[in-house]
Every structure is written in C-alpha cells, then in structure tokens.
Amino acid sequence: MTFTNKNKNFKYSVSLDTSKDIFKVFLTNNPEVYGLGRTIEEAMHNLEELA
C-alpha cells in the first residue's frame, strides 16, 4: 500500500511493510530519504528530522 500526500514543507509517500508491520515515509522527489516507524506519525516524525 502506498499513497502520496503533501504537508506544508514537502511532498511524501507512505508505504507499509506488512511482513514487518513498519511504515516507511519517504520524499516523493528523493525516495532515498525516508523515515521508519510503527505508526505513520512516528515515521513522519523521523522523516521530518532528516528532511
């Protein structure tokens, strides 16, 4: 499952690894920059710290 959204700072996509139950939120224009988390909010927070 993947979807794309845009917050006030950047455009990002979210995917769910169902085998590990981990969300991955990555920059749409640079998928090498991403955050991981047990929740979408945690993954977003981790991405925001990098971006």
N, C-alpha and C. Protein backbone atom coordinates (compact mmCIF):
# COMPACT_ATOMS: atom_id res chain seq x y z
N MET A 1 0.86 -1.17 0.00
CA MET A 1 0.00 0.00 0.00
C MET A 1 0.89 1.22 0.00
N THR A 2 0.64 2.13 -0.91
CA THR A 2 1.40 3.38 -0.98
C THR A 2 0.45 4.51 -1.31
N PHE A 3 0.60 5.64 -0.66
CA PHE A 3 -0.14 6.83 -1.05
C PHE A 3 0.75 8.05 -0.91
N THR A 4 0.39 9.09 -1.62
CA THR A 4 1.18 10.32 -1.64
C THR A 4 0.38 11.45 -1.02
N ASN A 5 1.06 12.29 -0.27
CA ASN A 5 0.43 13.42 0.38
C ASN A 5 1.42 14.57 0.40
N LYS A 6 0.94 15.74 0.73
CA LYS A 6 1.82 16.90 0.81
C LYS A 6 1.50 17.64 2.09
N ASN A 7 2.53 17.88 2.91
CA ASN A 7 2.32 18.73 4.07
C ASN A 7 2.85 20.11 3.74
N LYS A 8 2.97 20.96 4.72
CA LYS A 8 3.37 22.35 4.43
C LYS A 8 4.82 22.47 4.00
N ASN A 9 5.63 21.43 4.19
CA ASN A 9 7.05 21.52 3.88
C ASN A 9 7.49 20.70 2.68
N PHE A 10 6.93 19.53 2.48
CA PHE A 10 7.39 18.68 1.40
C PHE A 10 6.34 17.65 1.02
N LYS A 11 6.51 17.06 -0.15
CA LYS A 11 5.62 16.03 -0.66
C LYS A 11 6.22 14.68 -0.30
N TYR A 12 5.38 13.78 0.23
CA TYR A 12 5.90 12.50 0.69
C TYR A 12 4.94 11.36 0.33
N SER A 13 5.47 10.16 0.36
CA SER A 13 4.67 8.95 0.13
C SER A 13 4.83 8.04 1.33
N VAL A 14 3.81 7.20 1.55
CA VAL A 14 3.82 6.27 2.67
C VAL A 14 3.60 4.87 2.14
N SER A 15 4.39 3.94 2.64
CA SER A 15 4.16 2.53 2.31
C SER A 15 4.19 1.74 3.61
N LEU A 16 3.57 0.56 3.58
CA LEU A 16 3.51 -0.31 4.75
C LEU A 16 4.14 -1.63 4.40
N ASP A 17 5.14 -2.02 5.15
CA ASP A 17 5.75 -3.34 5.01
C ASP A 17 4.96 -4.28 5.92
N THR A 18 4.05 -5.05 5.34
CA THR A 18 3.16 -5.89 6.15
C THR A 18 3.88 -7.07 6.77
N SER A 19 5.02 -7.46 6.23
CA SER A 19 5.76 -8.57 6.83
C SER A 19 6.42 -8.16 8.14
N LYS A 20 6.73 -6.85 8.27
CA LYS A 20 7.38 -6.35 9.49
C LYS A 20 6.50 -5.37 10.27
N ASP A 21 5.32 -5.03 9.71
CA ASP A 21 4.42 -4.04 10.32
C ASP A 21 5.14 -2.72 10.60
N ILE A 22 5.86 -2.22 9.60
CA ILE A 22 6.60 -0.97 9.70
C ILE A 22 6.16 -0.04 8.57
N PHE A 23 5.87 1.22 8.92
CA PHE A 23 5.56 2.24 7.92
C PHE A 23 6.85 2.89 7.45
N LYS A 24 6.90 3.18 6.16
CA LYS A 24 8.03 3.90 5.58
C LYS A 24 7.47 5.14 4.90
N VAL A 25 7.92 6.29 5.34
CA VAL A 25 7.50 7.58 4.76
C VAL A 25 8.73 8.15 4.07
N PHE A 26 8.60 8.39 2.77
CA PHE A 26 9.76 8.87 2.01
C PHE A 26 9.40 10.06 1.15
N LEU A 27 10.42 10.88 0.86
CA LEU A 27 10.23 12.04 -0.01
C LEU A 27 9.91 11.57 -1.41
N THR A 28 8.89 12.15 -2.02
CA THR A 28 8.48 11.76 -3.36
C THR A 28 9.57 12.04 -4.38
N ASN A 29 10.26 13.15 -4.22
CA ASN A 29 11.29 13.52 -5.19
C ASN A 29 12.65 12.91 -4.88
N ASN A 30 12.80 12.25 -3.73
CA ASN A 30 14.06 11.61 -3.36
C ASN A 30 13.77 10.43 -2.42
N PRO A 31 13.40 9.28 -2.97
CA PRO A 31 13.00 8.14 -2.13
C PRO A 31 14.12 7.56 -1.28
N GLU A 32 15.35 8.02 -1.48
CA GLU A 32 16.45 7.56 -0.63
C GLU A 32 16.40 8.20 0.76
N VAL A 33 15.61 9.27 0.91
CA VAL A 33 15.42 9.93 2.20
C VAL A 33 14.09 9.46 2.76
N TYR A 34 14.13 8.73 3.89
CA TYR A 34 12.91 8.17 4.44
C TYR A 34 13.00 8.03 5.96
N GLY A 35 11.82 7.89 6.56
CA GLY A 35 11.72 7.62 7.99
C GLY A 35 10.89 6.37 8.19
N LEU A 36 11.24 5.60 9.21
CA LEU A 36 10.52 4.38 9.53
C LEU A 36 9.83 4.53 10.88
N GLY A 37 8.73 3.80 11.06
CA GLY A 37 8.05 3.83 12.35
C GLY A 37 6.95 2.81 12.45
N ARG A 38 6.55 2.52 13.68
CA ARG A 38 5.43 1.59 13.93
C ARG A 38 4.10 2.23 13.55
N THR A 39 4.04 3.57 13.57
CA THR A 39 2.86 4.30 13.14
C THR A 39 3.26 5.28 12.03
N ILE A 40 2.27 5.76 11.29
CA ILE A 40 2.56 6.75 10.25
C ILE A 40 3.12 8.01 10.90
N GLU A 41 2.57 8.40 12.04
CA GLU A 41 3.03 9.60 12.73
C GLU A 41 4.48 9.48 13.15
N GLU A 42 4.87 8.30 13.66
CA GLU A 42 6.26 8.10 14.07
C GLU A 42 7.19 8.14 12.86
N ALA A 43 6.78 7.51 11.77
CA ALA A 43 7.60 7.53 10.55
C ALA A 43 7.70 8.95 10.00
N MET A 44 6.61 9.72 10.03
CA MET A 44 6.63 11.13 9.58
C MET A 44 7.58 11.94 10.44
N HIS A 45 7.51 11.76 11.74
CA HIS A 45 8.39 12.48 12.65
C HIS A 45 9.85 12.18 12.33
N ASN A 46 10.15 10.91 12.10
CA ASN A 46 11.53 10.52 11.78
C ASN A 46 11.98 11.11 10.45
N LEU A 47 11.08 11.19 9.47
CA LEU A 47 11.42 11.81 8.19
C LEU A 47 11.65 13.30 8.36
N GLU A 48 10.80 13.96 9.13
CA GLU A 48 10.94 15.41 9.32
C GLU A 48 12.28 15.76 9.96
N GLU A 49 12.80 14.88 10.81
CA GLU A 49 14.11 15.13 11.41
C GLU A 49 15.23 15.08 10.37
N LEU A 50 15.02 14.31 9.30
CA LEU A 50 16.03 14.17 8.25
C LEU A 50 15.90 15.21 7.15
N ALA A 51 14.67 15.61 6.86
CA ALA A 51 14.41 16.49 5.70
C ALA A 51 14.64 17.95 6.03
